[in-house]
Amino acid sequence: VYSGKKPHSEMLVHAIARGVALPMSTISRSVRLAHSVKKKMLFGCECNTKIEYVEFARVKL
C-alpha cells in the first residue's frame, strides 16, 4: 500500500481467497517478514461484496 509522499509502502498486503483458511505458521511467517522490513502486515479477504482487512503486528513483551 503506497502513499503519495513516501517512496515506499507502509504495509505488506496478503490477499486471501474466499473460503481459504491460512495456517497459523503462514500468518506468523508473514508477520515476521513484515516486521523485519519495518512494515505492518495486512491480510485482505473478500466478504460478501466488500473486502475485509485484518492487521497483525508483533508485540514486544
PDB file of N, CA and C in Angstrom:
ATOM      1  N   VAL A   1       0.851  -1.165   0.000  1.00  0.00           N
ATOM      2  CA  VAL A   1       0.000   0.000   0.000  1.00  0.00           C
ATOM      3  C   VAL A   1       0.896   1.227   0.000  1.00  0.00           C
ATOM      4  N   TYR A   2       0.798   2.040  -1.040  1.00  0.00           N
ATOM      5  CA  TYR A   2       1.655   3.211  -1.183  1.00  0.00           C
ATOM      6  C   TYR A   2       0.893   4.486  -0.863  1.00  0.00           C
ATOM      7  N   SER A   3       1.594   5.420  -0.234  1.00  0.00           N
ATOM      8  CA  SER A   3       1.030   6.751  -0.037  1.00  0.00           C
ATOM      9  C   SER A   3       1.828   7.712  -0.913  1.00  0.00           C
ATOM     10  N   GLY A   4       1.240   8.828  -1.251  1.00  0.00           N
ATOM     11  CA  GLY A   4       1.850   9.735  -2.208  1.00  0.00           C
ATOM     12  C   GLY A   4       3.178  10.336  -1.816  1.00  0.00           C
ATOM     13  N   LYS A   5       3.419  10.612  -0.536  1.00  0.00           N
ATOM     14  CA  LYS A   5       4.612  11.339  -0.128  1.00  0.00           C
ATOM     15  C   LYS A   5       5.795  10.440   0.210  1.00  0.00           C
ATOM     16  N   LYS A   6       5.548   9.194   0.541  1.00  0.00           N
ATOM     17  CA  LYS A   6       6.626   8.294   0.934  1.00  0.00           C
ATOM     18  C   LYS A   6       7.046   7.443  -0.260  1.00  0.00           C
ATOM     19  N   PRO A   7       8.361   7.190  -0.404  1.00  0.00           N
ATOM     20  CA  PRO A   7       8.828   6.413  -1.541  1.00  0.00           C
ATOM     21  C   PRO A   7       8.539   4.917  -1.415  1.00  0.00           C
ATOM     22  N   HIS A   8       8.241   4.431  -0.214  1.00  0.00           N
ATOM     23  CA  HIS A   8       7.988   3.008  -0.008  1.00  0.00           C
ATOM     24  C   HIS A   8       6.677   2.802   0.730  1.00  0.00           C
ATOM     25  N   SER A   9       6.161   1.603   0.649  1.00  0.00           N
ATOM     26  CA  SER A   9       4.887   1.300   1.302  1.00  0.00           C
ATOM     27  C   SER A   9       5.037   1.186   2.813  1.00  0.00           C
ATOM     28  N   GLU A  10       3.935   1.363   3.511  1.00  0.00           N
ATOM     29  CA  GLU A  10       3.902   1.213   4.968  1.00  0.00           C
ATOM     30  C   GLU A  10       3.481  -0.191   5.364  1.00  0.00           C
ATOM     31  N   MET A  11       2.832  -0.915   4.445  1.00  0.00           N
ATOM     32  CA  MET A  11       2.275  -2.225   4.768  1.00  0.00           C
ATOM     33  C   MET A  11       2.575  -3.240   3.683  1.00  0.00           C
ATOM     34  N   LEU A  12       2.615  -4.511   4.095  1.00  0.00           N
ATOM     35  CA  LEU A  12       2.612  -5.632   3.163  1.00  0.00           C
ATOM     36  C   LEU A  12       1.198  -6.190   3.181  1.00  0.00           C
ATOM     37  N   VAL A  13       0.645  -6.469   2.019  1.00  0.00           N
ATOM     38  CA  VAL A  13      -0.729  -6.955   1.934  1.00  0.00           C
ATOM     39  C   VAL A  13      -0.730  -8.353   1.335  1.00  0.00           C
ATOM     40  N   HIS A  14      -1.457  -9.258   1.989  1.00  0.00           N
ATOM     41  CA  HIS A  14      -1.602 -10.630   1.514  1.00  0.00           C
ATOM     42  C   HIS A  14      -3.083 -10.844   1.221  1.00  0.00           C
ATOM     43  N   ALA A  15      -3.414 -11.103  -0.044  1.00  0.00           N
ATOM     44  CA  ALA A  15      -4.807 -11.342  -0.428  1.00  0.00           C
ATOM     45  C   ALA A  15      -5.143 -12.816  -0.220  1.00  0.00           C
ATOM     46  N   ILE A  16      -6.288 -13.061   0.399  1.00  0.00           N
ATOM     47  CA  ILE A  16      -6.721 -14.418   0.706  1.00  0.00           C
ATOM     48  C   ILE A  16      -8.020 -14.686  -0.047  1.00  0.00           C
ATOM     49  N   ALA A  17      -8.064 -15.801  -0.755  1.00  0.00           N
ATOM     50  CA  ALA A  17      -9.279 -16.165  -1.484  1.00  0.00           C
ATOM     51  C   ALA A  17     -10.391 -16.545  -0.508  1.00  0.00           C
ATOM     52  N   ARG A  18     -11.610 -16.308  -0.916  1.00  0.00           N
ATOM     53  CA  ARG A  18     -12.769 -16.629  -0.072  1.00  0.00           C
ATOM     54  C   ARG A  18     -12.778 -18.127   0.246  1.00  0.00           C
ATOM     55  N   GLY A  19     -13.003 -18.447   1.508  1.00  0.00           N
ATOM     56  CA  GLY A  19     -13.100 -19.843   1.929  1.00  0.00           C
ATOM     57  C   GLY A  19     -11.776 -20.524   2.219  1.00  0.00           C
ATOM     58  N   VAL A  20     -10.676 -19.818   2.041  1.00  0.00           N
ATOM     59  CA  VAL A  20      -9.355 -20.404   2.295  1.00  0.00           C
ATOM     60  C   VAL A  20      -8.940 -20.099   3.730  1.00  0.00           C
ATOM     61  N   ALA A  21      -8.516 -21.130   4.445  1.00  0.00           N
ATOM     62  CA  ALA A  21      -8.030 -20.955   5.818  1.00  0.00           C
ATOM     63  C   ALA A  21      -6.507 -20.951   5.794  1.00  0.00           C
ATOM     64  N   LEU A  22      -5.907 -19.923   6.373  1.00  0.00           N
ATOM     65  CA  LEU A  22      -4.446 -19.857   6.446  1.00  0.00           C
ATOM     66  C   LEU A  22      -3.972 -20.517   7.730  1.00  0.00           C
ATOM     67  N   PRO A  23      -2.967 -21.383   7.637  1.00  0.00           N
ATOM     68  CA  PRO A  23      -2.400 -21.949   8.862  1.00  0.00           C
ATOM     69  C   PRO A  23      -1.695 -20.856   9.666  1.00  0.00           C
ATOM     70  N   MET A  24      -1.664 -21.014  10.974  1.00  0.00           N
ATOM     71  CA  MET A  24      -1.013 -20.024  11.837  1.00  0.00           C
ATOM     72  C   MET A  24       0.454 -19.862  11.463  1.00  0.00           C
ATOM     73  N   SER A  25       1.097 -20.923  10.983  1.00  0.00           N
ATOM     74  CA  SER A  25       2.505 -20.827  10.585  1.00  0.00           C
ATOM     75  C   SER A  25       2.683 -19.848   9.425  1.00  0.00           C
ATOM     76  N   THR A  26       1.748 -19.803   8.503  1.00  0.00           N
ATOM     77  CA  THR A  26       1.811 -18.867   7.377  1.00  0.00           C
ATOM     78  C   THR A  26       1.605 -17.438   7.855  1.00  0.00           C
ATOM     79  N   ILE A  27       0.653 -17.252   8.750  1.00  0.00           N
ATOM     80  CA  ILE A  27       0.407 -15.918   9.305  1.00  0.00           C
ATOM     81  C   ILE A  27       1.636 -15.441  10.062  1.00  0.00           C
ATOM     82  N   SER A  28       2.188 -16.310  10.894  1.00  0.00           N
ATOM     83  CA  SER A  28       3.370 -15.965  11.686  1.00  0.00           C
ATOM     84  C   SER A  28       4.554 -15.610  10.793  1.00  0.00           C
ATOM     85  N   ARG A  29       4.771 -16.393   9.749  1.00  0.00           N
ATOM     86  CA  ARG A  29       5.871 -16.133   8.809  1.00  0.00           C
ATOM     87  C   ARG A  29       5.692 -14.775   8.139  1.00  0.00           C
ATOM     88  N   SER A  30       4.475 -14.466   7.740  1.00  0.00           N
ATOM     89  CA  SER A  30       4.197 -13.184   7.089  1.00  0.00           C
ATOM     90  C   SER A  30       4.436 -12.011   8.029  1.00  0.00           C
ATOM     91  N   VAL A  31       4.007 -12.156   9.274  1.00  0.00           N
ATOM     92  CA  VAL A  31       4.183 -11.088  10.261  1.00  0.00           C
ATOM     93  C   VAL A  31       5.667 -10.883  10.559  1.00  0.00           C
ATOM     94  N   ARG A  32       6.432 -11.975  10.662  1.00  0.00           N
ATOM     95  CA  ARG A  32       7.881 -11.847  10.899  1.00  0.00           C
ATOM     96  C   ARG A  32       8.563 -11.143   9.730  1.00  0.00           C
ATOM     97  N   LEU A  33       8.162 -11.479   8.508  1.00  0.00           N
ATOM     98  CA  LEU A  33       8.729 -10.823   7.329  1.00  0.00           C
ATOM     99  C   LEU A  33       8.421  -9.330   7.349  1.00  0.00           C
ATOM    100  N   ALA A  34       7.173  -8.976   7.611  1.00  0.00           N
ATOM    101  CA  ALA A  34       6.790  -7.562   7.656  1.00  0.00           C
ATOM    102  C   ALA A  34       7.583  -6.822   8.729  1.00  0.00           C
ATOM    103  N   HIS A  35       7.729  -7.442   9.883  1.00  0.00           N
ATOM    104  CA  HIS A  35       8.481  -6.814  10.974  1.00  0.00           C
ATOM    105  C   HIS A  35       9.944  -6.602  10.580  1.00  0.00           C
ATOM    106  N   SER A  36      10.523  -7.568   9.877  1.00  0.00           N
ATOM    107  CA  SER A  36      11.939  -7.460   9.505  1.00  0.00           C
ATOM    108  C   SER A  36      12.201  -6.339   8.505  1.00  0.00           C
ATOM    109  N   VAL A  37      11.200  -5.947   7.735  1.00  0.00           N
ATOM    110  CA  VAL A  37      11.355  -4.839   6.787  1.00  0.00           C
ATOM    111  C   VAL A  37      10.624  -3.582   7.275  1.00  0.00           C
ATOM    112  N   LYS A  38      10.279  -3.577   8.570  1.00  0.00           N
ATOM    113  CA  LYS A  38       9.672  -2.418   9.249  1.00  0.00           C
ATOM    114  C   LYS A  38       8.363  -1.971   8.606  1.00  0.00           C
ATOM    115  N   LYS A  39       7.498  -2.959   8.367  1.00  0.00           N
ATOM    116  CA  LYS A  39       6.186  -2.675   7.797  1.00  0.00           C
ATOM    117  C   LYS A  39       5.112  -3.389   8.614  1.00  0.00           C
ATOM    118  N   LYS A  40       3.872  -2.994   8.407  1.00  0.00           N
ATOM    119  CA  LYS A  40       2.739  -3.659   9.038  1.00  0.00           C
ATOM    120  C   LYS A  40       2.239  -4.748   8.097  1.00  0.00           C
ATOM    121  N   MET A  41       1.681  -5.815   8.653  1.00  0.00           N
ATOM    122  CA  MET A  41       1.152  -6.921   7.848  1.00  0.00           C
ATOM    123  C   MET A  41      -0.361  -6.822   7.795  1.00  0.00           C
ATOM    124  N   LEU A  42      -0.895  -6.789   6.594  1.00  0.00           N
ATOM    125  CA  LEU A  42      -2.329  -6.649   6.391  1.00  0.00           C
ATOM    126  C   LEU A  42      -2.816  -7.810   5.532  1.00  0.00           C
ATOM    127  N   PHE A  43      -3.862  -8.492   5.991  1.00  0.00           N
ATOM    128  CA  PHE A  43      -4.481  -9.569   5.225  1.00  0.00           C
ATOM    129  C   PHE A  43      -5.831  -9.068   4.742  1.00  0.00           C
ATOM    130  N   GLY A  44      -6.147  -9.343   3.481  1.00  0.00           N
ATOM    131  CA  GLY A  44      -7.421  -8.911   2.917  1.00  0.00           C
ATOM    132  C   GLY A  44      -8.175 -10.086   2.328  1.00  0.00           C
ATOM    133  N   CYS A  45      -9.497 -10.109   2.548  1.00  0.00           N
ATOM    134  CA  CYS A  45     -10.334 -11.192   2.049  1.00  0.00           C
ATOM    135  C   CYS A  45     -11.681 -10.620   1.609  1.00  0.00           C
ATOM    136  N   GLU A  46     -12.180 -11.117   0.495  1.00  0.00           N
ATOM    137  CA  GLU A  46     -13.488 -10.683   0.024  1.00  0.00           C
ATOM    138  C   GLU A  46     -14.576 -11.322   0.883  1.00  0.00           C
ATOM    139  N   CYS A  47     -15.420 -10.498   1.464  1.00  0.00           N
ATOM    140  CA  CYS A  47     -16.551 -10.963   2.281  1.00  0.00           C
ATOM    141  C   CYS A  47     -17.810 -10.308   1.740  1.00  0.00           C
ATOM    142  N   ASN A  48     -18.706 -11.111   1.218  1.00  0.00           N
ATOM    143  CA  ASN A  48     -19.914 -10.629   0.550  1.00  0.00           C
ATOM    144  C   ASN A  48     -19.509  -9.742  -0.618  1.00  0.00           C
ATOM    145  N   THR A  49     -19.812  -8.459  -0.583  1.00  0.00           N
ATOM    146  CA  THR A  49     -19.484  -7.585  -1.710  1.00  0.00           C
ATOM    147  C   THR A  49     -18.359  -6.610  -1.398  1.00  0.00           C
ATOM    148  N   LYS A  50     -17.740  -6.730  -0.227  1.00  0.00           N
ATOM    149  CA  LYS A  50     -16.656  -5.808   0.110  1.00  0.00           C
ATOM    150  C   LYS A  50     -15.431  -6.586   0.582  1.00  0.00           C
ATOM    151  N   ILE A  51     -14.335  -5.887   0.728  1.00  0.00           N
ATOM    152  CA  ILE A  51     -13.095  -6.506   1.181  1.00  0.00           C
ATOM    153  C   ILE A  51     -12.881  -6.162   2.646  1.00  0.00           C
ATOM    154  N   GLU A  52     -12.665  -7.183   3.441  1.00  0.00           N
ATOM    155  CA  GLU A  52     -12.386  -7.018   4.872  1.00  0.00           C
ATOM    156  C   GLU A  52     -10.881  -7.143   5.076  1.00  0.00           C
ATOM    157  N   TYR A  53     -10.330  -6.335   5.974  1.00  0.00           N
ATOM    158  CA  TYR A  53      -8.897  -6.358   6.260  1.00  0.00           C
ATOM    159  C   TYR A  53      -8.646  -6.678   7.725  1.00  0.00           C
ATOM    160  N   VAL A  54      -7.575  -7.423   7.973  1.00  0.00           N
ATOM    161  CA  VAL A  54      -7.131  -7.721   9.331  1.00  0.00           C
ATOM    162  C   VAL A  54      -5.641  -7.421   9.381  1.00  0.00           C
ATOM    163  N   GLU A  55      -5.233  -6.651  10.384  1.00  0.00           N
ATOM    164  CA  GLU A  55      -3.819  -6.308  10.545  1.00  0.00           C
ATOM    165  C   GLU A  55      -3.233  -7.109  11.705  1.00  0.00           C
ATOM    166  N   PHE A  56      -2.051  -7.677  11.474  1.00  0.00           N
ATOM    167  CA  PHE A  56      -1.316  -8.379  12.519  1.00  0.00           C
ATOM    168  C   PHE A  56      -0.006  -7.645  12.746  1.00  0.00           C
ATOM    169  N   ALA A  57       0.438  -7.620  13.998  1.00  0.00           N
ATOM    170  CA  ALA A  57       1.710  -6.969  14.319  1.00  0.00           C
ATOM    171  C   ALA A  57       2.394  -7.736  15.438  1.00  0.00           C
ATOM    172  N   ARG A  58       3.708  -7.637  15.476  1.00  0.00           N
ATOM    173  CA  ARG A  58       4.472  -8.235  16.569  1.00  0.00           C
ATOM    174  C   ARG A  58       4.431  -7.288  17.753  1.00  0.00           C
ATOM    175  N   VAL A  59       4.311  -7.857  18.932  1.00  0.00           N
ATOM    176  CA  VAL A  59       4.274  -7.069  20.158  1.00  0.00           C
ATOM    177  C   VAL A  59       5.415  -7.532  21.050  1.00  0.00           C
ATOM    178  N   LYS A  60       6.196  -6.575  21.519  1.00  0.00           N
ATOM    179  CA  LYS A  60       7.296  -6.893  22.415  1.00  0.00           C
ATOM    180  C   LYS A  60       6.773  -6.957  23.839  1.00  0.00           C
ATOM    181  N   LEU A  61       7.031  -8.056  24.523  1.00  0.00           N
ATOM    182  CA  LEU A  61       6.563  -8.209  25.906  1.00  0.00           C
ATOM    183  C   LEU A  61       7.648  -7.846  26.885  1.00  0.00           C
TER     184      LEU A  61
END
